[in-house]
Amino acid sequence: MAKAIHMMIRAADERRSVEFYEAAFGLKIAERLGFPDFTLVYLRNPEADFELELTINHDRKEPYALGDGYGHLAFCVDDLDETRARFEKFGLNPNPIKEMSHDGAPLARFFFVADPDGYKIEVLQRRGRYR
C-alpha cells in the first residue's frame, strides 16, 4: 500500500515561508538540506508525518507563476473560528468562513488563506471526512 509522505511547493523566501507555516499551522523544520543551487526544507507538526517540502532555488529572483494547475493544500483544525481569529491577529489575511452542504447535510466549514508565494490553503473544521 502506498503512503503519501510530502507535497512540494517552491518558495521565493525561505524565512517568510517558514515563519508563515509555523505561525499558521504549527509546522516546524523537520530537516533542512542545502545544495549548491537549491535548498529543501521539510516542515511538519506532531499531528501527522505528512510533510510540506519547500524548495528554494537560490538563483530565483522573480515570483513564481502558479498557473491554473495548482488547486490548494488543506489542513483541518479543531476550532475553525479560533484559528481564523489567530490568523487575523498575525496579519495572515484569511478569507471569510464559508459553509458547504451535500444532499442537504452539512459537509464542510472552511476558509482559505494564501501563503507568502500565493499558494492557496484551505483550513477546514475537523469533522466528518475531514479529520
Protein backbone atom coordinates (compact mmCIF):
# COMPACT_ATOMS: atom_id res chain seq x y z
CA MET A 1 0.00 0.00 0.00
CA ALA A 2 1.37 3.40 -0.94
CA LYS A 3 1.63 6.15 1.68
CA ALA A 4 1.60 9.89 0.90
CA ILE A 5 4.68 11.43 2.52
CA HIS A 6 5.01 15.03 1.30
CA MET A 7 3.89 17.76 -1.05
CA MET A 8 6.45 20.11 -2.62
CA ILE A 9 5.96 23.78 -3.38
CA ARG A 10 8.53 26.35 -4.48
CA ALA A 11 9.18 29.24 -2.11
CA ALA A 12 10.83 32.52 -3.04
CA ASP A 13 11.87 33.49 0.51
CA GLU A 14 12.71 30.67 2.92
CA ARG A 15 12.40 32.76 6.09
CA ARG A 16 9.00 34.23 5.19
CA SER A 17 7.60 30.84 4.21
CA VAL A 18 8.91 29.03 7.29
CA GLU A 19 7.54 31.81 9.54
CA PHE A 20 4.14 31.66 7.79
CA TYR A 21 3.70 27.89 8.06
CA GLU A 22 4.84 27.88 11.69
CA ALA A 23 2.53 30.75 12.71
CA ALA A 24 -0.43 29.44 10.73
CA PHE A 25 -0.20 25.66 11.19
CA GLY A 26 2.48 24.94 13.78
CA LEU A 27 4.76 23.36 11.17
CA LYS A 28 8.39 23.33 12.17
CA ILE A 29 11.51 22.43 10.28
CA ALA A 30 11.98 18.66 10.41
CA GLU A 31 15.02 18.77 8.14
CA ARG A 32 16.85 21.32 6.01
CA LEU A 33 19.11 20.14 3.18
CA GLY A 34 21.34 22.63 1.42
CA PHE A 35 22.64 22.03 -2.11
CA PRO A 36 24.71 24.31 -4.36
CA ASP A 37 21.72 25.52 -6.42
CA PHE A 38 18.74 24.98 -4.09
CA THR A 39 17.65 24.21 -0.54
CA LEU A 40 15.00 21.71 0.56
CA VAL A 41 13.14 22.46 3.79
CA TYR A 42 10.81 19.78 5.19
CA LEU A 43 8.09 21.07 7.53
CA ARG A 44 5.79 19.03 9.77
CA ASN A 45 3.90 19.07 13.06
CA PRO A 46 3.10 16.35 15.60
CA GLU A 47 -0.38 15.79 14.10
CA ALA A 48 0.94 13.73 11.17
CA ASP A 49 4.10 12.57 9.47
CA PHE A 50 2.98 14.07 6.14
CA GLU A 51 5.41 16.87 5.31
CA LEU A 52 5.39 20.05 3.28
CA GLU A 53 8.60 20.32 1.27
CA LEU A 54 9.69 23.86 0.41
CA THR A 55 12.11 24.10 -2.50
CA ILE A 56 14.07 27.33 -2.56
CA ASN A 57 16.00 27.86 -5.81
CA HIS A 58 18.96 30.10 -4.97
CA ASP A 59 19.11 31.97 -8.28
CA ARG A 60 15.38 32.75 -8.47
CA LYS A 61 14.67 36.48 -8.42
CA GLU A 62 11.10 36.80 -9.72
CA PRO A 63 7.94 35.41 -8.06
CA TYR A 64 6.71 32.02 -9.23
CA ALA A 65 3.76 31.89 -11.62
CA LEU A 66 1.33 29.44 -10.02
CA GLY A 67 -0.58 28.83 -13.25
CA ASP A 68 -4.00 27.27 -13.34
CA GLY A 69 -3.00 23.72 -12.42
CA TYR A 70 -2.44 24.21 -8.69
CA GLY A 71 -5.55 23.82 -6.54
CA HIS A 72 -4.82 24.02 -2.83
CA LEU A 73 -3.28 22.41 0.21
CA ALA A 74 -5.72 21.61 3.06
CA PHE A 75 -5.40 21.47 6.84
CA CYS A 76 -8.11 20.57 9.34
CA VAL A 77 -8.32 22.18 12.78
CA ASP A 78 -10.34 21.61 15.96
CA ASP A 79 -11.63 25.18 16.24
CA LEU A 80 -12.08 26.99 12.93
CA ASP A 81 -13.25 30.27 14.50
CA GLU A 82 -10.28 30.43 16.87
CA THR A 83 -7.87 29.56 14.07
CA ARG A 84 -9.24 32.27 11.79
CA ALA A 85 -9.07 34.83 14.62
CA ARG A 86 -5.43 33.83 15.25
CA PHE A 87 -4.65 34.23 11.53
CA GLU A 88 -6.16 37.73 11.61
CA LYS A 89 -4.09 38.57 14.71
CA PHE A 90 -0.92 37.51 12.87
CA GLY A 91 -1.92 39.57 9.81
CA LEU A 92 -2.27 36.49 7.56
CA ASN A 93 -5.41 37.87 5.83
CA PRO A 94 -7.74 34.85 5.91
CA ASN A 95 -10.84 34.88 3.72
CA PRO A 96 -14.29 34.70 5.36
CA ILE A 97 -15.56 31.38 6.69
CA LYS A 98 -17.87 29.53 4.29
CA GLU A 99 -20.11 26.50 4.69
CA MET A 100 -20.92 23.81 2.16
CA SER A 101 -23.62 21.11 2.21
CA HIS A 102 -24.14 17.97 0.18
CA ASP A 103 -27.58 16.40 -0.30
CA GLY A 104 -28.94 18.74 2.37
CA ALA A 105 -26.43 17.68 5.05
CA PRO A 106 -23.56 19.87 6.32
CA LEU A 107 -20.32 18.82 4.65
CA ALA A 108 -17.68 21.42 5.35
CA ARG A 109 -16.98 24.64 7.19
CA PHE A 110 -13.81 26.32 5.93
CA PHE A 111 -11.83 29.38 4.88
CA PHE A 112 -8.89 29.98 2.55
CA VAL A 113 -5.63 31.82 3.15
CA ALA A 114 -2.66 32.41 0.84
CA ASP A 115 0.96 31.83 1.83
CA PRO A 116 3.71 34.38 1.00
CA ASP A 117 4.08 32.93 -2.52
CA GLY A 118 0.34 32.97 -3.24
CA TYR A 119 -0.38 29.26 -2.73
CA LYS A 120 -3.98 28.77 -1.63
CA ILE A 121 -4.53 26.84 1.59
CA GLU A 122 -7.91 25.58 2.76
CA VAL A 123 -8.49 25.42 6.51
CA LEU A 124 -11.39 23.12 7.46
CA GLN A 125 -13.24 22.48 10.70
CA ARG A 126 -12.34 18.94 11.80
CA ARG A 127 -15.47 16.79 11.34
CA GLY A 128 -16.90 14.10 9.09
CA ARG A 129 -14.44 13.11 6.37
CA TYR A 130 -12.09 15.99 7.31
CA ARG A 131 -10.06 14.53 10.16
